[in-house]
Amino acid sequence: MATTRKPAGVYEVILQGMAATEDTVGKVRDLASHASRLTGRPYTTQKLSAALGKLATAERGNVLTKVRDGQYKLTNPMLRPFVRLLFDHQYGRQLELPLS
């Protein structure tokens, strides 16, 4: 029986984008570009800004820390290699590095 993977959600593509950046700080416009490229669906900076803000709350585990308007970083730096490993496992390929 073949299994299909559901499309990546907004939180997933944000974390993948954060893991794919060379810098420790992810910019909303770069993450929107990455999300669109990864999923083939358009992602606006407005849509990602709302989700980024939620990932920086206790309700979502404070996964991200807001550095300044439009810029976030992973709260725990060990999430970067973890997300990369998950991506490799789920998609059978490595994340594009650097995010461009």
PDB file of N, CA and C in Angstrom:
ATOM      1  N   MET A   1       0.844  -1.179   0.000  1.00  0.00           N
ATOM      2  CA  MET A   1       0.000   0.000   0.000  1.00  0.00           C
ATOM      3  C   MET A   1       0.890   1.244   0.000  1.00  0.00           C
ATOM      4  N   ALA A   2       0.663   2.115  -0.938  1.00  0.00           N
ATOM      5  CA  ALA A   2       1.450   3.343  -1.040  1.00  0.00           C
ATOM      6  C   ALA A   2       0.919   4.376  -0.056  1.00  0.00           C
ATOM      7  N   THR A   3       1.832   5.110   0.525  1.00  0.00           N
ATOM      8  CA  THR A   3       1.426   6.191   1.412  1.00  0.00           C
ATOM      9  C   THR A   3       1.794   7.513   0.768  1.00  0.00           C
ATOM     10  N   THR A   4       0.993   8.495   1.033  1.00  0.00           N
ATOM     11  CA  THR A   4       1.289   9.825   0.515  1.00  0.00           C
ATOM     12  C   THR A   4       1.509  10.761   1.681  1.00  0.00           C
ATOM     13  N   ARG A   5       2.360  11.688   1.477  1.00  0.00           N
ATOM     14  CA  ARG A   5       2.667  12.668   2.507  1.00  0.00           C
ATOM     15  C   ARG A   5       1.784  13.882   2.295  1.00  0.00           C
ATOM     16  N   LYS A   6       1.170  14.350   3.360  1.00  0.00           N
ATOM     17  CA  LYS A   6       0.334  15.544   3.235  1.00  0.00           C
ATOM     18  C   LYS A   6       1.231  16.753   2.962  1.00  0.00           C
ATOM     19  N   PRO A   7       0.696  17.768   2.310  1.00  0.00           N
ATOM     20  CA  PRO A   7       1.506  18.956   2.030  1.00  0.00           C
ATOM     21  C   PRO A   7       2.023  19.599   3.315  1.00  0.00           C
ATOM     22  N   ALA A   8       3.193  20.171   3.213  1.00  0.00           N
ATOM     23  CA  ALA A   8       3.801  20.839   4.375  1.00  0.00           C
ATOM     24  C   ALA A   8       2.931  22.010   4.810  1.00  0.00           C
ATOM     25  N   GLY A   9       2.738  22.129   6.119  1.00  0.00           N
ATOM     26  CA  GLY A   9       1.980  23.235   6.679  1.00  0.00           C
ATOM     27  C   GLY A   9       2.887  24.439   6.898  1.00  0.00           C
ATOM     28  N   VAL A  10       2.293  25.540   7.260  1.00  0.00           N
ATOM     29  CA  VAL A  10       3.032  26.795   7.399  1.00  0.00           C
ATOM     30  C   VAL A  10       4.113  26.696   8.479  1.00  0.00           C
ATOM     31  N   TYR A  11       3.820  26.024   9.587  1.00  0.00           N
ATOM     32  CA  TYR A  11       4.828  25.924  10.646  1.00  0.00           C
ATOM     33  C   TYR A  11       6.005  25.061  10.193  1.00  0.00           C
ATOM     34  N   GLU A  12       5.694  24.012   9.478  1.00  0.00           N
ATOM     35  CA  GLU A  12       6.743  23.128   8.974  1.00  0.00           C
ATOM     36  C   GLU A  12       7.674  23.857   8.000  1.00  0.00           C
ATOM     37  N   VAL A  13       7.097  24.597   7.063  1.00  0.00           N
ATOM     38  CA  VAL A  13       7.960  25.287   6.098  1.00  0.00           C
ATOM     39  C   VAL A  13       8.756  26.417   6.763  1.00  0.00           C
ATOM     40  N   ILE A  14       8.209  27.024   7.795  1.00  0.00           N
ATOM     41  CA  ILE A  14       8.971  28.037   8.534  1.00  0.00           C
ATOM     42  C   ILE A  14      10.190  27.391   9.179  1.00  0.00           C
ATOM     43  N   LEU A  15       9.985  26.269   9.853  1.00  0.00           N
ATOM     44  CA  LEU A  15      11.113  25.601  10.510  1.00  0.00           C
ATOM     45  C   LEU A  15      12.138  25.106   9.492  1.00  0.00           C
ATOM     46  N   GLN A  16      11.673  24.626   8.350  1.00  0.00           N
ATOM     47  CA  GLN A  16      12.602  24.205   7.304  1.00  0.00           C
ATOM     48  C   GLN A  16      13.389  25.394   6.775  1.00  0.00           C
ATOM     49  N   GLY A  17      12.718  26.508   6.611  1.00  0.00           N
ATOM     50  CA  GLY A  17      13.403  27.722   6.167  1.00  0.00           C
ATOM     51  C   GLY A  17      14.430  28.202   7.174  1.00  0.00           C
ATOM     52  N   MET A  18      14.070  28.142   8.445  1.00  0.00           N
ATOM     53  CA  MET A  18      15.015  28.540   9.496  1.00  0.00           C
ATOM     54  C   MET A  18      16.226  27.612   9.512  1.00  0.00           C
ATOM     55  N   ALA A  19      15.998  26.331   9.275  1.00  0.00           N
ATOM     56  CA  ALA A  19      17.094  25.358   9.275  1.00  0.00           C
ATOM     57  C   ALA A  19      17.972  25.501   8.041  1.00  0.00           C
ATOM     58  N   ALA A  20      17.431  26.065   6.966  1.00  0.00           N
ATOM     59  CA  ALA A  20      18.173  26.174   5.718  1.00  0.00           C
ATOM     60  C   ALA A  20      18.955  27.481   5.582  1.00  0.00           C
ATOM     61  N   THR A  21      18.747  28.412   6.477  1.00  0.00           N
ATOM     62  CA  THR A  21      19.452  29.687   6.363  1.00  0.00           C
ATOM     63  C   THR A  21      20.897  29.551   6.819  1.00  0.00           C
ATOM     64  N   GLU A  22      21.779  30.301   6.185  1.00  0.00           N
ATOM     65  CA  GLU A  22      23.167  30.351   6.626  1.00  0.00           C
ATOM     66  C   GLU A  22      23.283  31.182   7.898  1.00  0.00           C
ATOM     67  N   ASP A  23      22.481  32.240   7.971  1.00  0.00           N
ATOM     68  CA  ASP A  23      22.483  33.107   9.141  1.00  0.00           C
ATOM     69  C   ASP A  23      21.662  32.472  10.255  1.00  0.00           C
ATOM     70  N   THR A  24      21.909  32.899  11.460  1.00  0.00           N
ATOM     71  CA  THR A  24      21.108  32.399  12.573  1.00  0.00           C
ATOM     72  C   THR A  24      19.764  33.105  12.655  1.00  0.00           C
ATOM     73  N   VAL A  25      19.630  34.222  11.943  1.00  0.00           N
ATOM     74  CA  VAL A  25      18.383  34.996  11.948  1.00  0.00           C
ATOM     75  C   VAL A  25      17.689  34.820  10.606  1.00  0.00           C
ATOM     76  N   GLY A  26      16.399  34.431  10.661  1.00  0.00           N
ATOM     77  CA  GLY A  26      15.607  34.282   9.442  1.00  0.00           C
ATOM     78  C   GLY A  26      14.762  35.511   9.209  1.00  0.00           C
ATOM     79  N   LYS A  27      14.766  35.992   7.977  1.00  0.00           N
ATOM     80  CA  LYS A  27      13.961  37.161   7.607  1.00  0.00           C
ATOM     81  C   LYS A  27      12.677  36.682   6.945  1.00  0.00           C
ATOM     82  N   VAL A  28      11.577  37.347   7.267  1.00  0.00           N
ATOM     83  CA  VAL A  28      10.264  36.929   6.783  1.00  0.00           C
ATOM     84  C   VAL A  28      10.243  36.825   5.259  1.00  0.00           C
ATOM     85  N   ARG A  29      10.785  37.790   4.559  1.00  0.00           N
ATOM     86  CA  ARG A  29      10.717  37.752   3.088  1.00  0.00           C
ATOM     87  C   ARG A  29      11.480  36.557   2.527  1.00  0.00           C
ATOM     88  N   ASP A  30      12.620  36.192   3.131  1.00  0.00           N
ATOM     89  CA  ASP A  30      13.380  35.025   2.677  1.00  0.00           C
ATOM     90  C   ASP A  30      12.629  33.735   2.980  1.00  0.00           C
ATOM     91  N   LEU A  31      11.999  33.677   4.146  1.00  0.00           N
ATOM     92  CA  LEU A  31      11.230  32.496   4.509  1.00  0.00           C
ATOM     93  C   LEU A  31      10.014  32.324   3.603  1.00  0.00           C
ATOM     94  N   ALA A  32       9.372  33.424   3.211  1.00  0.00           N
ATOM     95  CA  ALA A  32       8.222  33.357   2.301  1.00  0.00           C
ATOM     96  C   ALA A  32       8.658  32.818   0.946  1.00  0.00           C
ATOM     97  N   SER A  33       9.799  33.265   0.465  1.00  0.00           N
ATOM     98  CA  SER A  33      10.335  32.782  -0.812  1.00  0.00           C
ATOM     99  C   SER A  33      10.639  31.287  -0.729  1.00  0.00           C
ATOM    100  N   HIS A  34      11.269  30.867   0.362  1.00  0.00           N
ATOM    101  CA  HIS A  34      11.588  29.451   0.553  1.00  0.00           C
ATOM    102  C   HIS A  34      10.317  28.610   0.611  1.00  0.00           C
ATOM    103  N   ALA A  35       9.329  29.064   1.370  1.00  0.00           N
ATOM    104  CA  ALA A  35       8.075  28.322   1.510  1.00  0.00           C
ATOM    105  C   ALA A  35       7.380  28.161   0.161  1.00  0.00           C
ATOM    106  N   SER A  36       7.364  29.205  -0.636  1.00  0.00           N
ATOM    107  CA  SER A  36       6.737  29.139  -1.962  1.00  0.00           C
ATOM    108  C   SER A  36       7.476  28.166  -2.863  1.00  0.00           C
ATOM    109  N   ARG A  37       8.785  28.220  -2.825  1.00  0.00           N
ATOM    110  CA  ARG A  37       9.605  27.339  -3.653  1.00  0.00           C
ATOM    111  C   ARG A  37       9.450  25.875  -3.215  1.00  0.00           C
ATOM    112  N   LEU A  38       9.423  25.636  -1.931  1.00  0.00           N
ATOM    113  CA  LEU A  38       9.340  24.279  -1.395  1.00  0.00           C
ATOM    114  C   LEU A  38       7.986  23.634  -1.687  1.00  0.00           C
ATOM    115  N   THR A  39       6.924  24.384  -1.527  1.00  0.00           N
ATOM    116  CA  THR A  39       5.579  23.811  -1.635  1.00  0.00           C
ATOM    117  C   THR A  39       4.919  24.019  -2.995  1.00  0.00           C
ATOM    118  N   GLY A  40       5.403  24.987  -3.768  1.00  0.00           N
ATOM    119  CA  GLY A  40       4.754  25.300  -5.031  1.00  0.00           C
ATOM    120  C   GLY A  40       3.500  26.141  -4.847  1.00  0.00           C
ATOM    121  N   ARG A  41       3.264  26.589  -3.616  1.00  0.00           N
ATOM    122  CA  ARG A  41       2.104  27.442  -3.315  1.00  0.00           C
ATOM    123  C   ARG A  41       2.618  28.816  -2.903  1.00  0.00           C
ATOM    124  N   PRO A  42       1.872  29.856  -3.232  1.00  0.00           N
ATOM    125  CA  PRO A  42       2.344  31.195  -2.836  1.00  0.00           C
ATOM    126  C   PRO A  42       2.207  31.426  -1.333  1.00  0.00           C
ATOM    127  N   TYR A  43       3.239  31.931  -0.730  1.00  0.00           N
ATOM    128  CA  TYR A  43       3.221  32.326   0.680  1.00  0.00           C
ATOM    129  C   TYR A  43       3.544  33.811   0.752  1.00  0.00           C
ATOM    130  N   THR A  44       2.695  34.552   1.409  1.00  0.00           N
ATOM    131  CA  THR A  44       2.939  35.983   1.562  1.00  0.00           C
ATOM    132  C   THR A  44       3.677  36.235   2.877  1.00  0.00           C
ATOM    133  N   THR A  45       4.334  37.366   2.933  1.00  0.00           N
ATOM    134  CA  THR A  45       5.019  37.721   4.184  1.00  0.00           C
ATOM    135  C   THR A  45       4.001  37.925   5.305  1.00  0.00           C
ATOM    136  N   GLN A  46       2.789  38.386   4.959  1.00  0.00           N
ATOM    137  CA  GLN A  46       1.753  38.588   5.970  1.00  0.00           C
ATOM    138  C   GLN A  46       1.340  37.257   6.597  1.00  0.00           C
ATOM    139  N   LYS A  47       1.157  36.240   5.772  1.00  0.00           N
ATOM    140  CA  LYS A  47       0.753  34.923   6.283  1.00  0.00           C
ATOM    141  C   LYS A  47       1.851  34.355   7.186  1.00  0.00           C
ATOM    142  N   LEU A  48       3.097  34.476   6.757  1.00  0.00           N
ATOM    143  CA  LEU A  48       4.194  33.944   7.553  1.00  0.00           C
ATOM    144  C   LEU A  48       4.428  34.750   8.820  1.00  0.00           C
ATOM    145  N   SER A  49       4.224  36.053   8.761  1.00  0.00           N
ATOM    146  CA  SER A  49       4.431  36.893   9.946  1.00  0.00           C
ATOM    147  C   SER A  49       3.542  36.452  11.094  1.00  0.00           C
ATOM    148  N   ALA A  50       2.300  36.144  10.791  1.00  0.00           N
ATOM    149  CA  ALA A  50       1.376  35.691  11.832  1.00  0.00           C
ATOM    150  C   ALA A  50       1.845  34.367  12.434  1.00  0.00           C
ATOM    151  N   ALA A  51       2.245  33.438  11.585  1.00  0.00           N
ATOM    152  CA  ALA A  51       2.701  32.132  12.062  1.00  0.00           C
ATOM    153  C   ALA A  51       4.019  32.249  12.822  1.00  0.00           C
ATOM    154  N   LEU A  52       4.917  33.105  12.346  1.00  0.00           N
ATOM    155  CA  LEU A  52       6.190  33.328  13.054  1.00  0.00           C
ATOM    156  C   LEU A  52       5.930  33.862  14.455  1.00  0.00           C
ATOM    157  N   GLY A  53       5.023  34.813  14.550  1.00  0.00           N
ATOM    158  CA  GLY A  53       4.682  35.371  15.851  1.00  0.00           C
ATOM    159  C   GLY A  53       4.153  34.310  16.803  1.00  0.00           C
ATOM    160  N   LYS A  54       3.346  33.381  16.280  1.00  0.00           N
ATOM    161  CA  LYS A  54       2.809  32.318  17.123  1.00  0.00           C
ATOM    162  C   LYS A  54       3.905  31.364  17.586  1.00  0.00           C
ATOM    163  N   LEU A  55       4.879  31.081  16.727  1.00  0.00           N
ATOM    164  CA  LEU A  55       5.976  30.190  17.110  1.00  0.00           C
ATOM    165  C   LEU A  55       6.878  30.815  18.177  1.00  0.00           C
ATOM    166  N   ALA A  56       6.726  32.108  18.391  1.00  0.00           N
ATOM    167  CA  ALA A  56       7.517  32.796  19.419  1.00  0.00           C
ATOM    168  C   ALA A  56       6.728  32.961  20.720  1.00  0.00           C
ATOM    169  N   THR A  57       5.630  32.225  20.863  1.00  0.00           N
ATOM    170  CA  THR A  57       4.825  32.298  22.085  1.00  0.00           C
ATOM    171  C   THR A  57       4.952  31.009  22.887  1.00  0.00           C
ATOM    172  N   ALA A  58       4.631  31.104  24.170  1.00  0.00           N
ATOM    173  CA  ALA A  58       4.665  29.927  25.040  1.00  0.00           C
ATOM    174  C   ALA A  58       3.660  28.871  24.574  1.00  0.00           C
ATOM    175  N   GLU A  59       2.553  29.321  23.995  1.00  0.00           N
ATOM    176  CA  GLU A  59       1.533  28.394  23.498  1.00  0.00           C
ATOM    177  C   GLU A  59       2.111  27.439  22.456  1.00  0.00           C
ATOM    178  N   ARG A  60       3.058  27.912  21.654  1.00  0.00           N
ATOM    179  CA  ARG A  60       3.707  27.093  20.618  1.00  0.00           C
ATOM    180  C   ARG A  60       5.111  26.665  21.037  1.00  0.00           C
ATOM    181  N   GLY A  61       5.416  26.769  22.316  1.00  0.00           N
ATOM    182  CA  GLY A  61       6.675  26.255  22.837  1.00  0.00           C
ATOM    183  C   GLY A  61       7.869  27.175  22.712  1.00  0.00           C
ATOM    184  N   ASN A  62       7.640  28.456  22.400  1.00  0.00           N
ATOM    185  CA  ASN A  62       8.751  29.408  22.228  1.00  0.00           C
ATOM    186  C   ASN A  62       9.839  28.838  21.327  1.00  0.00           C
ATOM    187  N   VAL A  63       9.423  28.243  20.220  1.00  0.00           N
ATOM    188  CA  VAL A  63      10.362  27.644  19.267  1.00  0.00           C
ATOM    189  C   VAL A  63      11.258  28.717  18.661  1.00  0.00           C
ATOM    190  N   LEU A  64      10.682  29.897  18.425  1.00  0.00           N
ATOM    191  CA  LEU A  64      11.429  31.015  17.851  1.00  0.00           C
ATOM    192  C   LEU A  64      11.520  32.161  18.849  1.00  0.00           C
ATOM    193  N   THR A  65      12.510  32.999  18.642  1.00  0.00           N
ATOM    194  CA  THR A  65      12.672  34.230  19.399  1.00  0.00           C
ATOM    195  C   THR A  65      12.672  35.376  18.397  1.00  0.00           C
ATOM    196  N   LYS A  66      11.858  36.404  18.660  1.00  0.00           N
ATOM    197  CA  LYS A  66      11.833  37.570  17.776  1.00  0.00           C
ATOM    198  C   LYS A  66      13.054  38.422  18.067  1.00  0.00           C
ATOM    199  N   VAL A  67      13.847  38.684  17.026  1.00  0.00           N
ATOM    200  CA  VAL A  67      15.054  39.494  17.156  1.00  0.00           C
ATOM    201  C   VAL A  67      14.704  40.965  16.966  1.00  0.00           C
ATOM    202  N   ARG A  68      13.941  41.248  15.917  1.00  0.00           N
ATOM    203  CA  ARG A  68      13.410  42.578  15.625  1.00  0.00           C
ATOM    204  C   ARG A  68      12.285  42.384  14.621  1.00  0.00           C
ATOM    205  N   ASP A  69      11.616  43.446  14.231  1.00  0.00           N
ATOM    206  CA  ASP A  69      10.505  43.314  13.282  1.00  0.00           C
ATOM    207  C   ASP A  69      10.956  42.564  12.036  1.00  0.00           C
ATOM    208  N   GLY A  70      10.233  41.495  11.727  1.00  0.00           N
ATOM    209  CA  GLY A  70      10.500  40.736  10.512  1.00  0.00           C
ATOM    210  C   GLY A  70      11.689  39.794  10.586  1.00  0.00           C
ATOM    211  N   GLN A  71      12.259  39.608  11.776  1.00  0.00           N
ATOM    212  CA  GLN A  71      13.417  38.732  11.915  1.00  0.00           C
ATOM    213  C   GLN A  71      13.286  37.869  13.164  1.00  0.00           C
ATOM    214  N   TYR A  72      13.521  36.579  12.983  1.00  0.00           N
ATOM    215  CA  TYR A  72      13.395  35.608  14.067  1.00  0.00           C
ATOM    216  C   TYR A  72      14.590  34.672  14.048  1.00  0.00           C
ATOM    217  N   LYS A  73      14.845  34.039  15.199  1.00  0.00           N
ATOM    218  CA  LYS A  73      15.874  33.004  15.269  1.00  0.00           C
ATOM    219  C   LYS A  73      15.320  31.826  16.054  1.00  0.00           C
ATOM    220  N   LEU A  74      15.905  30.655  15.833  1.00  0.00           N
ATOM    221  CA  LEU A  74      15.520  29.480  16.598  1.00  0.00           C
ATOM    222  C   LEU A  74      15.965  29.678  18.039  1.00  0.00           C
ATOM    223  N   THR A  75      15.076  29.457  18.980  1.00  0.00           N
ATOM    224  CA  THR A  75      15.407  29.629  20.393  1.00  0.00           C
ATOM    225  C   THR A  75      16.484  28.631  20.814  1.00  0.00           C
ATOM    226  N   ASN A  76      16.345  27.401  20.370  1.00  0.00           N
ATOM    227  CA  ASN A  76      17.327  26.367  20.665  1.00  0.00           C
ATOM    228  C   ASN A  76      18.119  26.076  19.388  1.00  0.00           C
ATOM    229  N   PRO A  77      19.417  26.389  19.343  1.00  0.00           N
ATOM    230  CA  PRO A  77      20.199  26.181  18.127  1.00  0.00           C
ATOM    231  C   PRO A  77      20.268  24.720  17.674  1.00  0.00           C
ATOM    232  N   MET A  78      19.989  23.787  18.575  1.00  0.00           N
ATOM    233  CA  MET A  78      20.022  22.377  18.195  1.00  0.00           C
ATOM    234  C   MET A  78      18.819  21.981  17.325  1.00  0.00           C
ATOM    235  N   LEU A  79      17.832  22.857  17.228  1.00  0.00           N
ATOM    236  CA  LEU A  79      16.710  22.573  16.336  1.00  0.00           C
ATOM    237  C   LEU A  79      17.133  22.585  14.871  1.00  0.00           C
ATOM    238  N   ARG A  80      18.122  23.374  14.532  1.00  0.00           N
ATOM    239  CA  ARG A  80      18.569  23.468  13.130  1.00  0.00           C
ATOM    240  C   ARG A  80      18.991  22.093  12.596  1.00  0.00           C
ATOM    241  N   PRO A  81      19.960  21.405  13.208  1.00  0.00           N
ATOM    242  CA  PRO A  81      20.325  20.090  12.659  1.00  0.00           C
ATOM    243  C   PRO A  81      19.199  19.064  12.783  1.00  0.00           C
ATOM    244  N   PHE A  82      18.371  19.182  13.829  1.00  0.00           N
ATOM    245  CA  PHE A  82      17.252  18.266  13.996  1.00  0.00           C
ATOM    246  C   PHE A  82      16.258  18.409  12.841  1.00  0.00           C
ATOM    247  N   VAL A  83      15.894  19.638  12.501  1.00  0.00           N
ATOM    248  CA  VAL A  83      14.954  19.871  11.402  1.00  0.00           C
ATOM    249  C   VAL A  83      15.560  19.410  10.075  1.00  0.00           C
ATOM    250  N   ARG A  84      16.853  19.619   9.890  1.00  0.00           N
ATOM    251  CA  ARG A  84      17.515  19.148   8.669  1.00  0.00           C
ATOM    252  C   ARG A  84      17.435  17.631   8.556  1.00  0.00           C
ATOM    253  N   LEU A  85      17.680  16.930   9.658  1.00  0.00           N
ATOM    254  CA  LEU A  85      17.584  15.467   9.651  1.00  0.00           C
ATOM    255  C   LEU A  85      16.167  15.000   9.344  1.00  0.00           C
ATOM    256  N   LEU A  86      15.178  15.655   9.941  1.00  0.00           N
ATOM    257  CA  LEU A  86      13.786  15.300   9.662  1.00  0.00           C
ATOM    258  C   LEU A  86      13.452  15.509   8.190  1.00  0.00           C
ATOM    259  N   PHE A  87      13.914  16.615   7.627  1.00  0.00           N
ATOM    260  CA  PHE A  87      13.655  16.897   6.218  1.00  0.00           C
ATOM    261  C   PHE A  87      14.280  15.811   5.353  1.00  0.00           C
ATOM    262  N   ASP A  88      15.540  15.468   5.629  1.00  0.00           N
ATOM    263  CA  ASP A  88      16.225  14.420   4.866  1.00  0.00           C
ATOM    264  C   ASP A  88      15.436  13.116   4.917  1.00  0.00           C
ATOM    265  N   HIS A  89      14.944  12.772   6.099  1.00  0.00           N
ATOM    266  CA  HIS A  89      14.202  11.528   6.277  1.00  0.00           C
ATOM    267  C   HIS A  89      12.850  11.572   5.557  1.00  0.00           C
ATOM    268  N   GLN A  90      12.120  12.666   5.694  1.00  0.00           N
ATOM    269  CA  GLN A  90      10.772  12.753   5.138  1.00  0.00           C
ATOM    270  C   GLN A  90      10.763  12.912   3.623  1.00  0.00           C
ATOM    271  N   TYR A  91      11.729  13.649   3.089  1.00  0.00           N
ATOM    272  CA  TYR A  91      11.716  13.958   1.660  1.00  0.00           C
ATOM    273  C   TYR A  91      12.773  13.203   0.866  1.00  0.00           C
ATOM    274  N   GLY A  92      13.664  12.503   1.554  1.00  0.00           N
ATOM    275  CA  GLY A  92      14.692  11.740   0.864  1.00  0.00           C
ATOM    276  C   GLY A  92      15.735  12.597   0.169  1.00  0.00           C
ATOM    277  N   ARG A  93      15.860  13.828   0.593  1.00  0.00           N
ATOM    278  CA  ARG A  93      16.875  14.729   0.038  1.00  0.00           C
ATOM    279  C   ARG A  93      17.218  15.776   1.090  1.00  0.00           C
ATOM    280  N   GLN A  94      18.331  16.431   0.880  1.00  0.00           N
ATOM    281  CA  GLN A  94      18.753  17.451   1.832  1.00  0.00           C
ATOM    282  C   GLN A  94      18.111  18.794   1.527  1.00  0.00           C
ATOM    283  N   LEU A  95      17.981  19.603   2.562  1.00  0.00           N
ATOM    284  CA  LEU A  95      17.516  20.976   2.376  1.00  0.00           C
ATOM    285  C   LEU A  95      18.529  21.728   1.517  1.00  0.00           C
ATOM    286  N   GLU A  96      18.021  22.613   0.685  1.00  0.00           N
ATOM    287  CA  GLU A  96      18.910  23.502  -0.080  1.00  0.00           C
ATOM    288  C   GLU A  96      19.647  24.402   0.871  1.00  0.00           C
ATOM    289  N   LEU A  97      20.942  24.426   0.793  1.00  0.00           N
ATOM    290  CA  LEU A  97      21.738  25.325   1.640  1.00  0.00           C
ATOM    291  C   LEU A  97      22.674  26.109   0.748  1.00  0.00           C
ATOM    292  N   PRO A  98      22.826  27.369   0.924  1.00  0.00           N
ATOM    293  CA  PRO A  98      22.016  28.206   1.804  1.00  0.00           C
ATOM    294  C   PRO A  98      20.686  28.555   1.180  1.00  0.00           C
ATOM    295  N   LEU A  99      19.792  29.033   1.998  1.00  0.00           N
ATOM    296  CA  LEU A  99      18.493  29.501   1.531  1.00  0.00           C
ATOM    297  C   LEU A  99      18.736  30.707   0.633  1.00  0.00           C
ATOM    298  N   SER A 100      18.263  30.626  -0.591  1.00  0.00           N
ATOM    299  CA  SER A 100      18.493  31.751  -1.511  1.00  0.00           C
ATOM    300  C   SER A 100      17.281  32.026  -2.357  1.00  0.00           C
TER     301      SER A 100
END
